[in-house]
């Protein structure tokens, strides 16, 4: 003998599930944006400051949702200084009269940092990540 269950009102159930899914997505998005902001906040004291330019170049973008996977993107110098044009690593931007220097500051472990240090984002993620996952 097979036991069967009949669900009455499945349209209402689906509608309620969709509402709950939207609420959950909103909560996840807010939490990820907050986490990205916390990573930037914790990395700022580790960034080499001489002019404060790096703080102006920080970004916290997302969350981006693609195929049910959320991604939060944080960093420094998403665009070339003073423009919205992407700038190849280390290339001078004549419009900004500046240079792209976030990547060299972050990656160069040999550079002498009068203040701050290399790997400022990685350090912040490693320190804050476990706390943010609670």
C-alpha atoms as a PDB file:
ATOM      1  CA  UNK A   1       0.000   0.000   0.000  1.00  0.00           C
ATOM      2  CA  UNK A   2       1.322   3.448  -0.948  1.00  0.00           C
ATOM      3  CA  UNK A   3       0.641   6.375   1.328  1.00  0.00           C
ATOM      4  CA  UNK A   4       0.007   9.591  -0.567  1.00  0.00           C
ATOM      5  CA  UNK A   5      -0.293  13.119   0.625  1.00  0.00           C
ATOM      6  CA  UNK A   6      -2.223  15.760  -1.229  1.00  0.00           C
ATOM      7  CA  UNK A   7      -1.215  19.358  -0.799  1.00  0.00           C
ATOM      8  CA  UNK A   8      -4.056  21.820  -1.079  1.00  0.00           C
ATOM      9  CA  UNK A   9      -3.269  25.468  -1.715  1.00  0.00           C
ATOM     10  CA  UNK A  10       0.123  24.929  -3.323  1.00  0.00           C
ATOM     11  CA  UNK A  11      -0.139  28.275  -5.134  1.00  0.00           C
ATOM     12  CA  UNK A  12      -0.396  30.045  -1.787  1.00  0.00           C
ATOM     13  CA  UNK A  13       2.525  28.034  -0.437  1.00  0.00           C
ATOM     14  CA  UNK A  14       4.680  28.947  -3.461  1.00  0.00           C
ATOM     15  CA  UNK A  15       3.783  32.621  -3.077  1.00  0.00           C
ATOM     16  CA  UNK A  16       4.783  32.541   0.607  1.00  0.00           C
ATOM     17  CA  UNK A  17       8.041  30.770  -0.217  1.00  0.00           C
ATOM     18  CA  UNK A  18       8.858  33.425  -2.828  1.00  0.00           C
ATOM     19  CA  UNK A  19       8.245  36.183  -0.278  1.00  0.00           C
ATOM     20  CA  UNK A  20      10.526  34.438   2.206  1.00  0.00           C
ATOM     21  CA  UNK A  21      13.182  33.961  -0.478  1.00  0.00           C
ATOM     22  CA  UNK A  22      13.099  37.696  -1.276  1.00  0.00           C
ATOM     23  CA  UNK A  23      13.435  38.526   2.441  1.00  0.00           C
ATOM     24  CA  UNK A  24      16.376  36.150   2.772  1.00  0.00           C
ATOM     25  CA  UNK A  25      18.090  37.587  -0.315  1.00  0.00           C
ATOM     26  CA  UNK A  26      17.688  41.089   1.083  1.00  0.00           C
ATOM     27  CA  UNK A  27      19.180  40.061   4.444  1.00  0.00           C
ATOM     28  CA  UNK A  28      22.104  38.300   2.758  1.00  0.00           C
ATOM     29  CA  UNK A  29      22.746  41.337   0.563  1.00  0.00           C
ATOM     30  CA  UNK A  30      22.754  43.706   3.548  1.00  0.00           C
ATOM     31  CA  UNK A  31      25.053  41.424   5.531  1.00  0.00           C
ATOM     32  CA  UNK A  32      27.506  41.094   2.645  1.00  0.00           C
ATOM     33  CA  UNK A  33      27.587  44.865   2.075  1.00  0.00           C
ATOM     34  CA  UNK A  34      28.213  45.367   5.792  1.00  0.00           C
ATOM     35  CA  UNK A  35      30.971  42.732   5.769  1.00  0.00           C
ATOM     36  CA  UNK A  36      32.647  44.404   2.796  1.00  0.00           C
ATOM     37  CA  UNK A  37      32.545  47.729   4.621  1.00  0.00           C
ATOM     38  CA  UNK A  38      34.099  46.122   7.679  1.00  0.00           C
ATOM     39  CA  UNK A  39      36.949  44.700   5.576  1.00  0.00           C
ATOM     40  CA  UNK A  40      37.661  48.155   4.117  1.00  0.00           C
ATOM     41  CA  UNK A  41      37.464  49.715   7.597  1.00  0.00           C
ATOM     42  CA  UNK A  42      39.922  47.187   9.039  1.00  0.00           C
ATOM     43  CA  UNK A  43      42.310  47.471   6.081  1.00  0.00           C
ATOM     44  CA  UNK A  44      42.553  51.285   6.126  1.00  0.00           C
ATOM     45  CA  UNK A  45      44.946  51.472   9.105  1.00  0.00           C
ATOM     46  CA  UNK A  46      47.218  48.987   7.300  1.00  0.00           C
ATOM     47  CA  UNK A  47      47.361  50.998   4.055  1.00  0.00           C
ATOM     48  CA  UNK A  48      50.397  53.177   3.499  1.00  0.00           C
ATOM     49  CA  UNK A  49      49.198  56.745   3.957  1.00  0.00           C
ATOM     50  CA  UNK A  50      51.102  59.742   2.781  1.00  0.00           C
ATOM     51  CA  UNK A  51      48.319  61.782   1.206  1.00  0.00           C
ATOM     52  CA  UNK A  52      45.184  59.845   2.127  1.00  0.00           C
ATOM     53  CA  UNK A  53      44.594  59.110  -1.542  1.00  0.00           C
ATOM     54  CA  UNK A  54      44.131  55.372  -0.987  1.00  0.00           C
ATOM     55  CA  UNK A  55      41.151  55.899   1.331  1.00  0.00           C
ATOM     56  CA  UNK A  56      39.397  57.788  -1.471  1.00  0.00           C
ATOM     57  CA  UNK A  57      40.065  54.890  -3.832  1.00  0.00           C
ATOM     58  CA  UNK A  58      38.475  52.158  -1.704  1.00  0.00           C
ATOM     59  CA  UNK A  59      35.347  50.444  -2.971  1.00  0.00           C
ATOM     60  CA  UNK A  60      32.801  47.972  -1.659  1.00  0.00           C
ATOM     61  CA  UNK A  61      30.689  46.643  -4.509  1.00  0.00           C
ATOM     62  CA  UNK A  62      27.893  44.174  -4.400  1.00  0.00           C
ATOM     63  CA  UNK A  63      26.666  41.832  -3.608  1.00  0.00           C
ATOM     64  CA  UNK A  64      26.598  40.498  -7.108  1.00  0.00           C
ATOM     65  CA  UNK A  65      24.350  37.499  -7.664  1.00  0.00           C
ATOM     66  CA  UNK A  66      25.040  35.089 -10.485  1.00  0.00           C
ATOM     67  CA  UNK A  67      23.605  31.580 -10.689  1.00  0.00           C
ATOM     68  CA  UNK A  68      22.691  31.575  -6.996  1.00  0.00           C
ATOM     69  CA  UNK A  69      26.217  32.589  -5.951  1.00  0.00           C
ATOM     70  CA  UNK A  70      26.740  35.879  -4.120  1.00  0.00           C
ATOM     71  CA  UNK A  71      29.979  37.800  -4.503  1.00  0.00           C
ATOM     72  CA  UNK A  72      31.070  40.904  -2.595  1.00  0.00           C
ATOM     73  CA  UNK A  73      33.977  42.798  -4.146  1.00  0.00           C
ATOM     74  CA  UNK A  74      36.143  45.071  -2.005  1.00  0.00           C
ATOM     75  CA  UNK A  75      39.396  46.733  -2.856  1.00  0.00           C
ATOM     76  CA  UNK A  76      41.235  49.866  -3.722  1.00  0.00           C
ATOM     77  CA  UNK A  77      41.482  51.679  -7.027  1.00  0.00           C
ATOM     78  CA  UNK A  78      38.794  50.014  -9.094  1.00  0.00           C
ATOM     79  CA  UNK A  79      39.198  52.725 -11.707  1.00  0.00           C
ATOM     80  CA  UNK A  80      42.108  54.871 -12.704  1.00  0.00           C
ATOM     81  CA  UNK A  81      42.605  57.875 -10.426  1.00  0.00           C
ATOM     82  CA  UNK A  82      40.093  60.636 -11.123  1.00  0.00           C
ATOM     83  CA  UNK A  83      38.203  58.841 -13.914  1.00  0.00           C
ATOM     84  CA  UNK A  84      35.872  55.946 -14.458  1.00  0.00           C
ATOM     85  CA  UNK A  85      38.203  54.284 -16.951  1.00  0.00           C
ATOM     86  CA  UNK A  86      39.870  51.020 -16.096  1.00  0.00           C
ATOM     87  CA  UNK A  87      43.641  51.437 -15.903  1.00  0.00           C
ATOM     88  CA  UNK A  88      46.209  48.727 -16.633  1.00  0.00           C
ATOM     89  CA  UNK A  89      48.462  47.892 -13.697  1.00  0.00           C
ATOM     90  CA  UNK A  90      51.093  50.560 -13.039  1.00  0.00           C
ATOM     91  CA  UNK A  91      50.201  52.724 -16.040  1.00  0.00           C
ATOM     92  CA  UNK A  92      50.178  56.510 -15.711  1.00  0.00           C
ATOM     93  CA  UNK A  93      46.801  58.153 -16.247  1.00  0.00           C
ATOM     94  CA  UNK A  94      47.332  61.557 -17.863  1.00  0.00           C
ATOM     95  CA  UNK A  95      43.808  62.742 -16.992  1.00  0.00           C
ATOM     96  CA  UNK A  96      44.426  62.214 -13.292  1.00  0.00           C
ATOM     97  CA  UNK A  97      48.064  63.243 -13.380  1.00  0.00           C
ATOM     98  CA  UNK A  98      48.577  60.213 -11.178  1.00  0.00           C
ATOM     99  CA  UNK A  99      49.581  56.626 -11.228  1.00  0.00           C
ATOM    100  CA  UNK A 100      47.836  53.420 -10.366  1.00  0.00           C
ATOM    101  CA  UNK A 101      49.514  52.380  -7.151  1.00  0.00           C
ATOM    102  CA  UNK A 102      47.090  50.267  -5.129  1.00  0.00           C
ATOM    103  CA  UNK A 103      48.329  46.970  -6.561  1.00  0.00           C
ATOM    104  CA  UNK A 104      52.040  47.756  -6.134  1.00  0.00           C
ATOM    105  CA  UNK A 105      51.429  48.930  -2.546  1.00  0.00           C
ATOM    106  CA  UNK A 106      49.474  45.783  -1.769  1.00  0.00           C
ATOM    107  CA  UNK A 107      51.705  43.262  -3.498  1.00  0.00           C
ATOM    108  CA  UNK A 108      55.248  44.529  -3.029  1.00  0.00           C
ATOM    109  CA  UNK A 109      56.497  42.784   0.091  1.00  0.00           C
ATOM    110  CA  UNK A 110      59.961  44.271  -0.451  1.00  0.00           C
ATOM    111  CA  UNK A 111      58.845  47.918  -0.492  1.00  0.00           C
ATOM    112  CA  UNK A 112      59.762  50.032   2.472  1.00  0.00           C
ATOM    113  CA  UNK A 113      56.528  51.252   3.989  1.00  0.00           C
ATOM    114  CA  UNK A 114      57.085  54.243   6.265  1.00  0.00           C
ATOM    115  CA  UNK A 115      53.635  53.529   7.627  1.00  0.00           C
ATOM    116  CA  UNK A 116      51.211  50.760   6.777  1.00  0.00           C
ATOM    117  CA  UNK A 117      52.207  47.478   5.181  1.00  0.00           C
ATOM    118  CA  UNK A 118      51.770  45.261   2.154  1.00  0.00           C
ATOM    119  CA  UNK A 119      48.900  42.751   1.911  1.00  0.00           C
ATOM    120  CA  UNK A 120      46.566  45.120   3.769  1.00  0.00           C
ATOM    121  CA  UNK A 121      43.412  43.580   2.276  1.00  0.00           C
ATOM    122  CA  UNK A 122      44.486  39.988   2.864  1.00  0.00           C
ATOM    123  CA  UNK A 123      45.381  40.731   6.466  1.00  0.00           C
ATOM    124  CA  UNK A 124      42.011  42.405   7.067  1.00  0.00           C
ATOM    125  CA  UNK A 125      40.124  39.489   5.477  1.00  0.00           C
ATOM    126  CA  UNK A 126      42.105  36.921   7.473  1.00  0.00           C
ATOM    127  CA  UNK A 127      41.515  38.803  10.731  1.00  0.00           C
ATOM    128  CA  UNK A 128      37.894  39.777  10.185  1.00  0.00           C
ATOM    129  CA  UNK A 129      36.648  36.862   8.082  1.00  0.00           C
ATOM    130  CA  UNK A 130      36.037  34.413  10.931  1.00  0.00           C
ATOM    131  CA  UNK A 131      34.204  37.111  12.924  1.00  0.00           C
ATOM    132  CA  UNK A 132      32.016  38.010   9.939  1.00  0.00           C
ATOM    133  CA  UNK A 133      30.961  34.411   9.411  1.00  0.00           C
ATOM    134  CA  UNK A 134      29.395  34.122  12.861  1.00  0.00           C
END
